[in-house]
Amino acid sequence: MAFSREEFLVAAGNPKAVLLFTALLPQFVSGPGSIVGGLLLVGAGYLVVETLVALVYAVLGSQLRRIVISARIDRLVARVTGVCLIGFAAYLGTSQRPT
C-alpha cells in the first residue's frame, strides 16, 4: 500500500501530469456525453496504465537486485555509460541547427 501512495504522490507532483491532463487528454474526449465523464474515463485509463508500468518497473527492479554484479563489472558499466553520455553531450554541443 505504501508503494501505491508513493507512486500517487510522485505522479501528482509531476508537472508533466498536470500538462497531460489539461492539454493533451481533452483532445481525445468527444461524443455526446459530458466532457467531465469523458475526462474521468480517459484519466482513469491513464492511471491504470501508469500503475501497471510502475508495478512492472518495481518487479523488474526487485529481480535485478538479486543479481549480484561484481565491482569490476559495475565499474565497467559506469565507465561505458559515462563515455556514452559525454559523447552525446559533445555531439549535441557541436551540432548545428538546420536553417
N, C-alpha and C. Protein backbone atom coordinates (compact mmCIF):
# COMPACT_ATOMS: atom_id res chain seq x y z
N MET A 1 0.82 -1.19 0.00
CA MET A 1 0.00 0.00 0.00
C MET A 1 0.86 1.26 0.00
N ALA A 2 2.01 1.19 0.68
CA ALA A 2 2.90 2.35 0.71
C ALA A 2 3.41 2.66 -0.68
N PHE A 3 3.64 1.61 -1.48
CA PHE A 3 4.09 1.82 -2.86
C PHE A 3 3.07 2.62 -3.65
N SER A 4 1.80 2.27 -3.51
CA SER A 4 0.74 2.97 -4.25
C SER A 4 0.67 4.44 -3.83
N ARG A 5 0.79 4.70 -2.55
CA ARG A 5 0.73 6.08 -2.06
C ARG A 5 1.92 6.89 -2.58
N GLU A 6 3.11 6.30 -2.53
CA GLU A 6 4.30 6.99 -3.02
C GLU A 6 4.20 7.24 -4.52
N GLU A 7 3.74 6.25 -5.26
CA GLU A 7 3.58 6.42 -6.70
C GLU A 7 2.59 7.52 -7.02
N PHE A 8 1.49 7.57 -6.27
CA PHE A 8 0.50 8.62 -6.49
C PHE A 8 1.09 9.99 -6.20
N LEU A 9 1.82 10.13 -5.09
CA LEU A 9 2.39 11.42 -4.74
C LEU A 9 3.42 11.88 -5.77
N VAL A 10 4.22 10.95 -6.26
CA VAL A 10 5.21 11.30 -7.28
C VAL A 10 4.50 11.73 -8.57
N ALA A 11 3.49 10.96 -8.99
CA ALA A 11 2.77 11.28 -10.22
C ALA A 11 1.99 12.58 -10.08
N ALA A 12 1.37 12.81 -8.93
CA ALA A 12 0.58 14.02 -8.73
C ALA A 12 1.46 15.26 -8.66
N GLY A 13 2.68 15.11 -8.16
CA GLY A 13 3.57 16.25 -8.07
C GLY A 13 4.36 16.51 -9.33
N ASN A 14 4.15 15.71 -10.35
CA ASN A 14 4.88 15.85 -11.60
C ASN A 14 4.18 16.89 -12.48
N PRO A 15 4.87 17.95 -12.86
CA PRO A 15 4.22 18.96 -13.71
C PRO A 15 3.79 18.40 -15.06
N LYS A 16 4.46 17.35 -15.53
CA LYS A 16 4.05 16.76 -16.81
C LYS A 16 2.66 16.15 -16.70
N ALA A 17 2.32 15.62 -15.53
CA ALA A 17 0.98 15.05 -15.35
C ALA A 17 -0.08 16.13 -15.47
N VAL A 18 0.18 17.29 -14.89
CA VAL A 18 -0.77 18.40 -14.98
C VAL A 18 -0.95 18.82 -16.44
N LEU A 19 0.16 18.93 -17.16
CA LEU A 19 0.07 19.28 -18.58
C LEU A 19 -0.68 18.20 -19.37
N LEU A 20 -0.43 16.95 -19.05
CA LEU A 20 -1.09 15.86 -19.74
C LEU A 20 -2.60 15.95 -19.57
N PHE A 21 -3.04 16.13 -18.32
CA PHE A 21 -4.47 16.15 -18.06
C PHE A 21 -5.15 17.42 -18.52
N THR A 22 -4.43 18.51 -18.66
CA THR A 22 -5.08 19.76 -19.07
C THR A 22 -4.92 20.07 -20.55
N ALA A 23 -3.84 19.62 -21.17
CA ALA A 23 -3.59 19.99 -22.56
C ALA A 23 -3.78 18.84 -23.54
N LEU A 24 -3.36 17.65 -23.17
CA LEU A 24 -3.37 16.55 -24.12
C LEU A 24 -4.65 15.72 -24.08
N LEU A 25 -5.06 15.30 -22.91
CA LEU A 25 -6.21 14.39 -22.82
C LEU A 25 -7.52 14.98 -23.32
N PRO A 26 -7.83 16.26 -23.11
CA PRO A 26 -9.10 16.77 -23.63
C PRO A 26 -9.28 16.62 -25.14
N GLN A 27 -8.19 16.52 -25.88
CA GLN A 27 -8.29 16.34 -27.33
C GLN A 27 -8.89 14.99 -27.70
N PHE A 28 -8.81 14.03 -26.79
CA PHE A 28 -9.29 12.68 -27.08
C PHE A 28 -10.69 12.44 -26.53
N VAL A 29 -11.30 13.45 -25.96
CA VAL A 29 -12.64 13.31 -25.42
C VAL A 29 -13.62 13.92 -26.41
N SER A 30 -14.53 13.08 -26.88
CA SER A 30 -15.55 13.58 -27.80
C SER A 30 -16.79 12.73 -27.63
N GLY A 31 -17.81 13.12 -28.28
CA GLY A 31 -19.04 12.35 -28.23
C GLY A 31 -20.16 13.13 -27.57
N PRO A 32 -21.32 12.50 -27.49
CA PRO A 32 -22.50 13.21 -26.97
C PRO A 32 -22.50 13.37 -25.45
N GLY A 33 -21.71 12.61 -24.72
CA GLY A 33 -21.70 12.69 -23.26
C GLY A 33 -21.01 13.93 -22.75
N SER A 34 -21.00 14.06 -21.43
CA SER A 34 -20.36 15.24 -20.84
C SER A 34 -18.84 15.13 -20.94
N ILE A 35 -18.20 16.26 -21.02
CA ILE A 35 -16.75 16.27 -21.12
C ILE A 35 -16.12 15.78 -19.81
N VAL A 36 -16.79 16.04 -18.69
CA VAL A 36 -16.26 15.61 -17.40
C VAL A 36 -16.21 14.08 -17.34
N GLY A 37 -17.28 13.45 -17.78
CA GLY A 37 -17.31 11.98 -17.80
C GLY A 37 -16.24 11.41 -18.71
N GLY A 38 -16.07 12.02 -19.88
CA GLY A 38 -15.05 11.56 -20.81
C GLY A 38 -13.65 11.74 -20.25
N LEU A 39 -13.40 12.89 -19.60
CA LEU A 39 -12.09 13.12 -18.99
C LEU A 39 -11.83 12.14 -17.86
N LEU A 40 -12.85 11.85 -17.08
CA LEU A 40 -12.67 10.87 -16.00
C LEU A 40 -12.35 9.49 -16.56
N LEU A 41 -13.01 9.12 -17.64
CA LEU A 41 -12.75 7.82 -18.25
C LEU A 41 -11.34 7.74 -18.83
N VAL A 42 -10.94 8.75 -19.59
CA VAL A 42 -9.60 8.76 -20.17
C VAL A 42 -8.54 8.86 -19.07
N GLY A 43 -8.80 9.68 -18.06
CA GLY A 43 -7.87 9.81 -16.95
C GLY A 43 -7.73 8.52 -16.17
N ALA A 44 -8.84 7.81 -15.96
CA ALA A 44 -8.78 6.53 -15.27
C ALA A 44 -7.97 5.52 -16.07
N GLY A 45 -8.14 5.52 -17.38
CA GLY A 45 -7.35 4.64 -18.23
C GLY A 45 -5.87 4.95 -18.13
N TYR A 46 -5.54 6.24 -18.11
CA TYR A 46 -4.15 6.65 -17.96
C TYR A 46 -3.59 6.17 -16.62
N LEU A 47 -4.36 6.33 -15.57
CA LEU A 47 -3.89 5.92 -14.24
C LEU A 47 -3.70 4.41 -14.15
N VAL A 48 -4.55 3.64 -14.82
CA VAL A 48 -4.38 2.19 -14.83
C VAL A 48 -3.07 1.83 -15.54
N VAL A 49 -2.83 2.43 -16.68
CA VAL A 49 -1.59 2.15 -17.42
C VAL A 49 -0.38 2.59 -16.59
N GLU A 50 -0.45 3.77 -15.97
CA GLU A 50 0.64 4.27 -15.14
C GLU A 50 0.93 3.32 -13.97
N THR A 51 -0.12 2.81 -13.35
CA THR A 51 0.05 1.87 -12.24
C THR A 51 0.68 0.57 -12.71
N LEU A 52 0.24 0.05 -13.85
CA LEU A 52 0.81 -1.19 -14.37
C LEU A 52 2.29 -1.01 -14.73
N VAL A 53 2.63 0.11 -15.33
CA VAL A 53 4.03 0.37 -15.68
C VAL A 53 4.88 0.47 -14.41
N ALA A 54 4.36 1.15 -13.39
CA ALA A 54 5.11 1.28 -12.13
C ALA A 54 5.30 -0.08 -11.47
N LEU A 55 4.28 -0.92 -11.52
CA LEU A 55 4.40 -2.25 -10.93
C LEU A 55 5.42 -3.10 -11.68
N VAL A 56 5.40 -3.05 -13.00
CA VAL A 56 6.39 -3.79 -13.79
C VAL A 56 7.79 -3.28 -13.49
N TYR A 57 7.93 -1.98 -13.39
CA TYR A 57 9.22 -1.38 -13.07
C TYR A 57 9.72 -1.84 -11.70
N ALA A 58 8.82 -1.87 -10.72
CA ALA A 58 9.19 -2.30 -9.38
C ALA A 58 9.57 -3.77 -9.34
N VAL A 59 8.81 -4.61 -10.04
CA VAL A 59 9.11 -6.05 -10.07
C VAL A 59 10.44 -6.30 -10.76
N LEU A 60 10.67 -5.64 -11.88
CA LEU A 60 11.95 -5.82 -12.58
C LEU A 60 13.11 -5.32 -11.72
N GLY A 61 12.91 -4.22 -11.02
CA GLY A 61 13.95 -3.71 -10.14
C GLY A 61 14.27 -4.66 -9.02
N SER A 62 13.24 -5.26 -8.44
CA SER A 62 13.49 -6.22 -7.36
C SER A 62 14.17 -7.48 -7.87
N GLN A 63 13.86 -7.89 -9.10
CA GLN A 63 14.53 -9.05 -9.67
C GLN A 63 15.98 -8.74 -10.01
N LEU A 64 16.24 -7.54 -10.52
CA LEU A 64 17.61 -7.16 -10.86
C LEU A 64 18.48 -7.01 -9.62
N ARG A 65 17.87 -6.65 -8.49
CA ARG A 65 18.61 -6.52 -7.25
C ARG A 65 19.21 -7.86 -6.82
N ARG A 66 18.53 -8.92 -7.16
CA ARG A 66 19.00 -10.26 -6.77
C ARG A 66 20.25 -10.69 -7.53
N ILE A 67 20.44 -10.10 -8.70
CA ILE A 67 21.62 -10.44 -9.49
C ILE A 67 22.82 -9.73 -8.89
N VAL A 68 23.79 -10.48 -8.51
CA VAL A 68 24.98 -9.90 -7.90
C VAL A 68 25.97 -9.58 -9.02
N ILE A 69 26.34 -8.30 -9.10
CA ILE A 69 27.28 -7.86 -10.11
C ILE A 69 28.60 -7.55 -9.40
N SER A 70 29.65 -8.05 -9.94
CA SER A 70 30.95 -7.80 -9.32
C SER A 70 31.30 -6.33 -9.42
N ALA A 71 32.19 -5.89 -8.55
CA ALA A 71 32.60 -4.48 -8.54
C ALA A 71 33.28 -4.12 -9.86
N ARG A 72 33.99 -5.06 -10.44
CA ARG A 72 34.68 -4.79 -11.72
C ARG A 72 33.67 -4.54 -12.83
N ILE A 73 32.66 -5.37 -12.92
CA ILE A 73 31.61 -5.20 -13.95
C ILE A 73 30.84 -3.91 -13.70
N ASP A 74 30.56 -3.61 -12.44
CA ASP A 74 29.84 -2.39 -12.10
C ASP A 74 30.63 -1.16 -12.53
N ARG A 75 31.94 -1.14 -12.29
CA ARG A 75 32.78 -0.02 -12.74
C ARG A 75 32.81 0.08 -14.25
N LEU A 76 32.88 -1.07 -14.92
CA LEU A 76 32.91 -1.08 -16.38
C LEU A 76 31.62 -0.50 -16.96
N VAL A 77 30.49 -0.91 -16.41
CA VAL A 77 29.20 -0.38 -16.88
C VAL A 77 29.12 1.12 -16.64
N ALA A 78 29.57 1.57 -15.46
CA ALA A 78 29.55 3.00 -15.15
C ALA A 78 30.44 3.78 -16.11
N ARG A 79 31.61 3.25 -16.43
CA ARG A 79 32.52 3.94 -17.33
C ARG A 79 31.97 4.01 -18.75
N VAL A 80 31.42 2.90 -19.24
CA VAL A 80 30.85 2.88 -20.59
C VAL A 80 29.67 3.85 -20.67
N THR A 81 28.83 3.84 -19.66
CA THR A 81 27.69 4.76 -19.64
C THR A 81 28.17 6.21 -19.62
N GLY A 82 29.18 6.49 -18.80
CA GLY A 82 29.72 7.84 -18.73
C GLY A 82 30.31 8.30 -20.05
N VAL A 83 31.04 7.41 -20.72
CA VAL A 83 31.62 7.76 -22.03
C VAL A 83 30.51 8.04 -23.04
N CYS A 84 29.47 7.22 -23.02
CA CYS A 84 28.34 7.45 -23.95
C CYS A 84 27.69 8.80 -23.68
N LEU A 85 27.44 9.12 -22.42
CA LEU A 85 26.80 10.40 -22.10
C LEU A 85 27.68 11.58 -22.49
N ILE A 86 28.98 11.47 -22.25
CA ILE A 86 29.90 12.55 -22.66
C ILE A 86 29.92 12.67 -24.18
N GLY A 87 29.90 11.53 -24.88
CA GLY A 87 29.86 11.55 -26.34
C GLY A 87 28.60 12.21 -26.87
N PHE A 88 27.45 11.88 -26.27
CA PHE A 88 26.20 12.52 -26.69
C PHE A 88 26.23 14.02 -26.41
N ALA A 89 26.78 14.41 -25.26
CA ALA A 89 26.87 15.83 -24.93
C ALA A 89 27.77 16.56 -25.92
N ALA A 90 28.89 15.95 -26.28
CA ALA A 90 29.79 16.56 -27.25
C ALA A 90 29.11 16.69 -28.61
N TYR A 91 28.39 15.65 -29.01
CA TYR A 91 27.66 15.69 -30.28
C TYR A 91 26.64 16.83 -30.28
N LEU A 92 25.85 16.90 -29.20
CA LEU A 92 24.84 17.96 -29.12
C LEU A 92 25.48 19.34 -29.04
N GLY A 93 26.61 19.43 -28.36
CA GLY A 93 27.28 20.72 -28.24
C GLY A 93 27.88 21.22 -29.53
N THR A 94 28.22 20.31 -30.43
CA THR A 94 28.87 20.72 -31.69
C THR A 94 27.92 20.65 -32.89
N SER A 95 26.72 20.15 -32.72
CA SER A 95 25.82 20.03 -33.86
C SER A 95 25.21 21.39 -34.19
N GLN A 96 24.90 21.55 -35.45
CA GLN A 96 24.31 22.79 -35.95
C GLN A 96 22.82 22.58 -36.18
N ARG A 97 22.07 23.60 -35.86
CA ARG A 97 20.63 23.55 -36.15
C ARG A 97 20.40 23.76 -37.63
N PRO A 98 19.44 23.05 -38.20
CA PRO A 98 19.12 23.31 -39.60
C PRO A 98 18.47 24.69 -39.74
N THR A 99 18.82 25.37 -40.80
CA THR A 99 18.27 26.72 -41.01
C THR A 99 17.15 26.72 -42.00
